[in-house]
Amino acid sequence: MSVTFVSIGDGEKLTKFLELNPDLPKDRCFVDESRTFDVYRAAGFGKIGDTKPTDINIKPPGFSFGQWFSYLANVATLAPIRKDEPLRGPPEGVLRLGGTFVLDGADVVYAHSEELPGTSPEVKDVLRDAKLA
């Protein structure tokens, strides 16, 4: 199984993210720099407010004190906000939701779209549901 990571942002933000997460394979991490969020749109991801969540089950990550400190120290730097974007409300990139896919060749064996930020599946559940564990 290989991992591919796609996020909204730019090369500078990706470089910083990879510095903070050195275990991620750099050659498998990409950013969608488009102004229209083409990759996210093609994956069927929406944005906050598009739908009414059916079950709100947001759990904070199980970070240690040091991980929380690192997160809080870097969240503004990594946020998907364009330097040239005038702020007239929440930036479009911040409103975008993501998801998790597991592929077996061209077949999608697991798919999850977030309804709210933080509603990501547990890794153990993804592996179980994709029949990888």
N, C-alpha and C. Protein backbone atom coordinates (compact mmCIF):
# COMPACT_ATOMS: atom_id res chain seq x y z
N MET A 1 0.85 -1.16 0.00
CA MET A 1 0.00 0.00 0.00
C MET A 1 0.90 1.23 0.00
N SER A 2 0.58 2.17 -0.88
CA SER A 2 1.33 3.41 -0.88
C SER A 2 0.41 4.55 -0.46
N VAL A 3 1.02 5.59 0.05
CA VAL A 3 0.28 6.74 0.56
C VAL A 3 0.49 7.91 -0.38
N THR A 4 -0.59 8.60 -0.72
CA THR A 4 -0.50 9.86 -1.43
C THR A 4 -1.28 10.88 -0.62
N PHE A 5 -0.69 12.03 -0.45
CA PHE A 5 -1.29 13.09 0.35
C PHE A 5 -1.53 14.28 -0.55
N VAL A 6 -2.75 14.79 -0.58
CA VAL A 6 -3.07 15.98 -1.37
C VAL A 6 -3.76 16.97 -0.44
N SER A 7 -3.32 18.22 -0.50
CA SER A 7 -3.91 19.25 0.34
C SER A 7 -4.04 20.53 -0.46
N ILE A 8 -4.72 21.48 0.11
CA ILE A 8 -4.83 22.81 -0.48
C ILE A 8 -3.67 23.64 0.04
N GLY A 9 -3.07 24.42 -0.81
CA GLY A 9 -1.98 25.28 -0.36
C GLY A 9 -1.07 25.66 -1.49
N ASP A 10 0.19 25.79 -1.16
CA ASP A 10 1.21 26.12 -2.16
C ASP A 10 2.50 25.40 -1.77
N GLY A 11 3.49 25.53 -2.62
CA GLY A 11 4.75 24.83 -2.39
C GLY A 11 5.42 25.21 -1.09
N GLU A 12 5.34 26.48 -0.72
CA GLU A 12 5.96 26.94 0.53
C GLU A 12 5.29 26.29 1.75
N LYS A 13 3.97 26.22 1.74
CA LYS A 13 3.25 25.60 2.85
C LYS A 13 3.52 24.09 2.89
N LEU A 14 3.60 23.46 1.72
CA LEU A 14 3.90 22.03 1.68
C LEU A 14 5.29 21.75 2.23
N THR A 15 6.26 22.58 1.86
CA THR A 15 7.62 22.40 2.37
C THR A 15 7.64 22.48 3.89
N LYS A 16 6.95 23.46 4.46
CA LYS A 16 6.88 23.60 5.92
C LYS A 16 6.19 22.40 6.54
N PHE A 17 5.07 21.96 5.94
CA PHE A 17 4.34 20.80 6.46
C PHE A 17 5.25 19.56 6.47
N LEU A 18 6.01 19.36 5.42
CA LEU A 18 6.89 18.20 5.34
C LEU A 18 8.05 18.29 6.34
N GLU A 19 8.51 19.51 6.63
CA GLU A 19 9.52 19.68 7.68
C GLU A 19 8.96 19.22 9.03
N LEU A 20 7.69 19.52 9.26
CA LEU A 20 7.05 19.16 10.52
C LEU A 20 6.62 17.70 10.58
N ASN A 21 6.53 17.05 9.43
CA ASN A 21 6.09 15.65 9.33
C ASN A 21 7.08 14.86 8.48
N PRO A 22 8.29 14.66 8.98
CA PRO A 22 9.35 14.05 8.17
C PRO A 22 9.11 12.60 7.77
N ASP A 23 8.16 11.91 8.39
CA ASP A 23 7.89 10.52 8.03
C ASP A 23 7.06 10.39 6.76
N LEU A 24 6.45 11.47 6.30
CA LEU A 24 5.66 11.40 5.07
C LEU A 24 6.58 11.34 3.87
N PRO A 25 6.25 10.52 2.88
CA PRO A 25 7.09 10.43 1.67
C PRO A 25 6.94 11.69 0.82
N LYS A 26 8.01 12.47 0.71
CA LYS A 26 7.96 13.75 0.00
C LYS A 26 7.51 13.62 -1.45
N ASP A 27 7.86 12.52 -2.10
CA ASP A 27 7.50 12.35 -3.51
C ASP A 27 6.04 11.93 -3.69
N ARG A 28 5.29 11.76 -2.59
CA ARG A 28 3.88 11.36 -2.67
C ARG A 28 2.96 12.41 -2.06
N CYS A 29 3.49 13.63 -1.86
CA CYS A 29 2.72 14.71 -1.25
C CYS A 29 2.58 15.86 -2.24
N PHE A 30 1.36 16.32 -2.41
CA PHE A 30 1.07 17.33 -3.42
C PHE A 30 0.12 18.38 -2.86
N VAL A 31 0.09 19.55 -3.50
CA VAL A 31 -0.88 20.58 -3.13
C VAL A 31 -1.66 21.01 -4.37
N ASP A 32 -2.92 21.32 -4.14
CA ASP A 32 -3.78 21.89 -5.17
C ASP A 32 -3.66 23.40 -5.04
N GLU A 33 -2.94 24.02 -5.97
CA GLU A 33 -2.72 25.46 -5.92
C GLU A 33 -3.75 26.24 -6.75
N SER A 34 -4.70 25.54 -7.33
CA SER A 34 -5.66 26.22 -8.19
C SER A 34 -6.55 27.15 -7.39
N ARG A 35 -7.05 28.17 -8.03
CA ARG A 35 -7.98 29.10 -7.38
C ARG A 35 -9.40 28.52 -7.33
N THR A 36 -9.62 27.44 -8.07
CA THR A 36 -10.96 26.83 -8.12
C THR A 36 -11.01 25.49 -7.39
N PHE A 37 -9.91 25.10 -6.76
CA PHE A 37 -9.85 23.86 -5.98
C PHE A 37 -10.25 22.66 -6.84
N ASP A 38 -9.65 22.58 -8.02
CA ASP A 38 -10.00 21.56 -9.01
C ASP A 38 -9.88 20.13 -8.50
N VAL A 39 -8.80 19.81 -7.81
CA VAL A 39 -8.60 18.44 -7.32
C VAL A 39 -9.68 18.10 -6.30
N TYR A 40 -9.96 19.00 -5.39
CA TYR A 40 -10.98 18.75 -4.37
C TYR A 40 -12.37 18.63 -5.01
N ARG A 41 -12.65 19.48 -5.97
CA ARG A 41 -13.93 19.42 -6.67
C ARG A 41 -14.07 18.08 -7.41
N ALA A 42 -13.00 17.66 -8.09
CA ALA A 42 -13.03 16.40 -8.84
C ALA A 42 -13.24 15.20 -7.91
N ALA A 43 -12.73 15.30 -6.68
CA ALA A 43 -12.90 14.22 -5.71
C ALA A 43 -14.29 14.23 -5.07
N GLY A 44 -15.07 15.26 -5.37
CA GLY A 44 -16.42 15.34 -4.82
C GLY A 44 -16.50 16.00 -3.46
N PHE A 45 -15.42 16.67 -3.04
CA PHE A 45 -15.42 17.33 -1.75
C PHE A 45 -16.09 18.68 -1.84
N GLY A 46 -16.81 19.04 -0.81
CA GLY A 46 -17.50 20.32 -0.76
C GLY A 46 -16.82 21.27 0.19
N LYS A 47 -17.62 22.15 0.76
CA LYS A 47 -17.09 23.09 1.73
C LYS A 47 -18.08 23.23 2.88
N ILE A 48 -17.60 23.80 3.95
CA ILE A 48 -18.43 23.99 5.13
C ILE A 48 -19.70 24.74 4.72
N GLY A 49 -20.85 24.20 5.11
CA GLY A 49 -22.12 24.83 4.82
C GLY A 49 -22.85 24.26 3.62
N ASP A 50 -22.18 23.41 2.81
CA ASP A 50 -22.83 22.82 1.64
C ASP A 50 -23.94 21.86 2.05
N THR A 51 -23.70 21.11 3.11
CA THR A 51 -24.68 20.13 3.57
C THR A 51 -24.84 20.25 5.08
N LYS A 52 -25.92 19.69 5.56
CA LYS A 52 -26.14 19.62 7.00
C LYS A 52 -25.62 18.26 7.47
N PRO A 53 -24.65 18.25 8.38
CA PRO A 53 -24.10 16.98 8.85
C PRO A 53 -25.18 16.08 9.46
N THR A 54 -25.06 14.78 9.17
CA THR A 54 -26.03 13.82 9.71
C THR A 54 -25.65 13.37 11.12
N ASP A 55 -24.37 13.28 11.39
CA ASP A 55 -23.91 12.82 12.70
C ASP A 55 -22.63 13.56 13.03
N ILE A 56 -22.68 14.42 14.00
CA ILE A 56 -21.49 15.19 14.36
C ILE A 56 -20.70 14.40 15.39
N ASN A 57 -19.51 13.97 14.98
CA ASN A 57 -18.66 13.17 15.85
C ASN A 57 -17.22 13.67 15.70
N ILE A 58 -16.97 14.85 16.19
CA ILE A 58 -15.65 15.46 16.08
C ILE A 58 -14.85 15.10 17.31
N LYS A 59 -13.66 14.54 17.07
CA LYS A 59 -12.79 14.18 18.17
C LYS A 59 -11.47 14.91 17.98
N PRO A 60 -10.95 15.53 19.04
CA PRO A 60 -9.64 16.16 18.89
C PRO A 60 -8.58 15.09 18.69
N PRO A 61 -7.52 15.43 17.97
CA PRO A 61 -6.44 14.45 17.82
C PRO A 61 -5.79 14.14 19.16
N GLY A 62 -5.25 12.97 19.29
CA GLY A 62 -4.59 12.56 20.53
C GLY A 62 -3.16 13.07 20.59
N PHE A 63 -3.00 14.39 20.54
CA PHE A 63 -1.67 15.00 20.56
C PHE A 63 -1.10 15.03 21.96
N SER A 64 0.22 14.93 22.01
CA SER A 64 0.93 15.18 23.27
C SER A 64 1.02 16.70 23.46
N PHE A 65 1.50 17.14 24.62
CA PHE A 65 1.66 18.57 24.87
C PHE A 65 2.55 19.20 23.79
N GLY A 66 3.66 18.55 23.48
CA GLY A 66 4.59 19.07 22.47
C GLY A 66 3.96 19.14 21.08
N GLN A 67 3.16 18.15 20.74
CA GLN A 67 2.48 18.16 19.44
C GLN A 67 1.45 19.28 19.38
N TRP A 68 0.71 19.50 20.46
CA TRP A 68 -0.25 20.61 20.50
C TRP A 68 0.47 21.95 20.36
N PHE A 69 1.59 22.08 21.03
CA PHE A 69 2.36 23.32 20.94
C PHE A 69 2.82 23.55 19.50
N SER A 70 3.35 22.52 18.88
CA SER A 70 3.79 22.63 17.48
C SER A 70 2.63 22.98 16.56
N TYR A 71 1.48 22.32 16.78
CA TYR A 71 0.30 22.60 15.96
C TYR A 71 -0.11 24.07 16.09
N LEU A 72 -0.25 24.53 17.32
CA LEU A 72 -0.68 25.91 17.54
C LEU A 72 0.33 26.92 17.03
N ALA A 73 1.61 26.58 17.10
CA ALA A 73 2.66 27.48 16.61
C ALA A 73 2.68 27.56 15.09
N ASN A 74 2.14 26.55 14.40
CA ASN A 74 2.25 26.49 12.93
C ASN A 74 0.93 26.59 12.19
N VAL A 75 -0.20 26.54 12.87
CA VAL A 75 -1.48 26.48 12.17
C VAL A 75 -1.70 27.70 11.27
N ALA A 76 -1.35 28.88 11.71
CA ALA A 76 -1.56 30.07 10.88
C ALA A 76 -0.67 30.04 9.63
N THR A 77 0.55 29.56 9.79
CA THR A 77 1.48 29.49 8.66
C THR A 77 1.01 28.48 7.62
N LEU A 78 0.40 27.39 8.07
CA LEU A 78 -0.01 26.32 7.16
C LEU A 78 -1.44 26.47 6.63
N ALA A 79 -2.21 27.40 7.18
CA ALA A 79 -3.60 27.57 6.76
C ALA A 79 -3.68 27.89 5.26
N PRO A 80 -4.67 27.31 4.58
CA PRO A 80 -4.79 27.53 3.12
C PRO A 80 -5.35 28.91 2.79
N ILE A 81 -4.55 29.93 3.11
CA ILE A 81 -4.92 31.31 2.83
C ILE A 81 -3.88 31.88 1.88
N ARG A 82 -4.34 32.40 0.75
CA ARG A 82 -3.43 32.99 -0.23
C ARG A 82 -2.95 34.36 0.26
N LYS A 83 -1.66 34.63 0.02
CA LYS A 83 -1.09 35.91 0.43
C LYS A 83 -1.75 37.08 -0.31
N ASP A 84 -2.17 36.83 -1.54
CA ASP A 84 -2.75 37.91 -2.35
C ASP A 84 -4.28 37.96 -2.27
N GLU A 85 -4.87 37.16 -1.39
CA GLU A 85 -6.32 37.10 -1.28
C GLU A 85 -6.82 38.10 -0.24
N PRO A 86 -7.63 39.08 -0.67
CA PRO A 86 -8.17 40.01 0.32
C PRO A 86 -9.17 39.28 1.23
N LEU A 87 -9.10 39.55 2.51
CA LEU A 87 -9.98 38.88 3.45
C LEU A 87 -11.29 39.66 3.59
N ARG A 88 -12.35 39.05 3.08
CA ARG A 88 -13.71 39.59 3.19
C ARG A 88 -14.60 38.49 3.77
N GLY A 89 -14.19 37.92 4.86
CA GLY A 89 -14.87 36.78 5.43
C GLY A 89 -13.90 35.61 5.43
N PRO A 90 -14.38 34.42 5.75
CA PRO A 90 -13.49 33.25 5.78
C PRO A 90 -12.91 32.98 4.39
N PRO A 91 -11.59 32.76 4.31
CA PRO A 91 -10.98 32.44 3.02
C PRO A 91 -11.55 31.14 2.44
N GLU A 92 -11.70 31.09 1.14
CA GLU A 92 -12.27 29.92 0.46
C GLU A 92 -11.53 28.63 0.83
N GLY A 93 -10.20 28.69 0.89
CA GLY A 93 -9.42 27.49 1.21
C GLY A 93 -9.71 26.95 2.59
N VAL A 94 -10.03 27.81 3.53
CA VAL A 94 -10.33 27.39 4.90
C VAL A 94 -11.69 26.69 4.96
N LEU A 95 -12.59 27.05 4.07
CA LEU A 95 -13.93 26.45 4.07
C LEU A 95 -13.97 25.07 3.41
N ARG A 96 -12.94 24.72 2.66
CA ARG A 96 -12.93 23.45 1.92
C ARG A 96 -12.78 22.26 2.85
N LEU A 97 -13.54 21.23 2.57
CA LEU A 97 -13.47 19.97 3.32
C LEU A 97 -12.71 18.94 2.50
N GLY A 98 -12.14 17.97 3.18
CA GLY A 98 -11.38 16.93 2.51
C GLY A 98 -11.98 15.56 2.75
N GLY A 99 -11.14 14.57 2.64
CA GLY A 99 -11.60 13.21 2.84
C GLY A 99 -10.45 12.22 2.77
N THR A 100 -10.82 10.96 2.77
CA THR A 100 -9.86 9.87 2.76
C THR A 100 -10.29 8.84 1.73
N PHE A 101 -9.36 8.44 0.89
CA PHE A 101 -9.61 7.39 -0.09
C PHE A 101 -8.54 6.32 0.03
N VAL A 102 -8.92 5.07 -0.20
CA VAL A 102 -7.96 3.98 -0.37
C VAL A 102 -8.23 3.40 -1.75
N LEU A 103 -7.16 3.32 -2.54
CA LEU A 103 -7.27 2.80 -3.90
C LEU A 103 -6.55 1.48 -4.01
N ASP A 104 -7.10 0.61 -4.81
CA ASP A 104 -6.45 -0.64 -5.20
C ASP A 104 -6.39 -0.59 -6.71
N GLY A 105 -5.26 -0.14 -7.23
CA GLY A 105 -5.18 0.13 -8.66
C GLY A 105 -6.12 1.27 -9.00
N ALA A 106 -7.04 1.04 -9.91
CA ALA A 106 -8.01 2.06 -10.29
C ALA A 106 -9.31 1.96 -9.49
N ASP A 107 -9.41 0.97 -8.60
CA ASP A 107 -10.63 0.76 -7.82
C ASP A 107 -10.56 1.49 -6.48
N VAL A 108 -11.63 2.19 -6.14
CA VAL A 108 -11.74 2.84 -4.83
C VAL A 108 -12.31 1.79 -3.87
N VAL A 109 -11.51 1.38 -2.88
CA VAL A 109 -11.96 0.36 -1.93
C VAL A 109 -12.43 0.98 -0.62
N TYR A 110 -12.19 2.26 -0.45
CA TYR A 110 -12.67 2.98 0.73
C TYR A 110 -12.77 4.46 0.37
N ALA A 111 -13.86 5.09 0.78
CA ALA A 111 -14.01 6.53 0.55
C ALA A 111 -14.76 7.15 1.73
N HIS A 112 -14.27 8.30 2.15
CA HIS A 112 -14.91 9.05 3.23
C HIS A 112 -14.76 10.54 2.91
N SER A 113 -15.87 11.26 2.87
CA SER A 113 -15.85 12.71 2.69
C SER A 113 -16.23 13.36 4.02
N GLU A 114 -15.45 14.34 4.43
CA GLU A 114 -15.75 15.05 5.66
C GLU A 114 -17.02 15.88 5.50
N GLU A 115 -17.84 15.90 6.53
CA GLU A 115 -19.00 16.79 6.57
C GLU A 115 -18.68 18.06 7.35
N LEU A 116 -17.70 17.96 8.22
CA LEU A 116 -17.17 19.08 9.00
C LEU A 116 -15.68 18.83 9.20
N PRO A 117 -14.90 19.88 9.44
CA PRO A 117 -13.48 19.66 9.75
C PRO A 117 -13.36 18.79 11.00
N GLY A 118 -12.42 17.89 10.98
CA GLY A 118 -12.20 17.03 12.15
C GLY A 118 -13.02 15.77 12.17
N THR A 119 -13.80 15.52 11.14
CA THR A 119 -14.60 14.29 11.10
C THR A 119 -13.89 13.23 10.25
N SER A 120 -12.59 13.20 10.36
CA SER A 120 -11.79 12.21 9.64
C SER A 120 -11.93 10.85 10.31
N PRO A 121 -11.86 9.79 9.53
CA PRO A 121 -11.97 8.46 10.13
C PRO A 121 -10.68 8.08 10.86
N GLU A 122 -10.80 7.17 11.80
CA GLU A 122 -9.64 6.63 12.49
C GLU A 122 -8.88 5.73 11.50
N VAL A 123 -7.56 5.78 11.55
CA VAL A 123 -6.74 4.98 10.63
C VAL A 123 -7.08 3.50 10.76
N LYS A 124 -7.26 3.00 11.98
CA LYS A 124 -7.57 1.58 12.17
C LYS A 124 -8.89 1.21 11.49
N ASP A 125 -9.86 2.14 11.50
CA ASP A 125 -11.14 1.88 10.85
C ASP A 125 -11.00 1.87 9.33
N VAL A 126 -10.18 2.76 8.82
CA VAL A 126 -9.93 2.79 7.37
C VAL A 126 -9.29 1.48 6.93
N LEU A 127 -8.26 1.05 7.66
CA LEU A 127 -7.57 -0.19 7.31
C LEU A 127 -8.51 -1.39 7.38
N ARG A 128 -9.35 -1.43 8.41
CA ARG A 128 -10.32 -2.52 8.56
C ARG A 128 -11.34 -2.51 7.41
N ASP A 129 -11.93 -1.35 7.17
CA ASP A 129 -12.98 -1.25 6.15
C ASP A 129 -12.44 -1.48 4.74
N ALA A 130 -11.17 -1.13 4.52
CA ALA A 130 -10.56 -1.37 3.22
C ALA A 130 -9.96 -2.77 3.12
N LYS A 131 -10.16 -3.54 4.19
CA LYS A 131 -9.67 -4.93 4.27
C LYS A 131 -8.15 -5.01 4.12
N LEU A 132 -7.49 -4.06 4.80
CA LEU A 132 -6.02 -4.03 4.80
C LEU A 132 -5.45 -4.44 6.15
N ALA A 133 -6.34 -4.66 7.11
CA ALA A 133 -5.85 -5.07 8.44
C ALA A 133 -6.62 -6.29 8.92
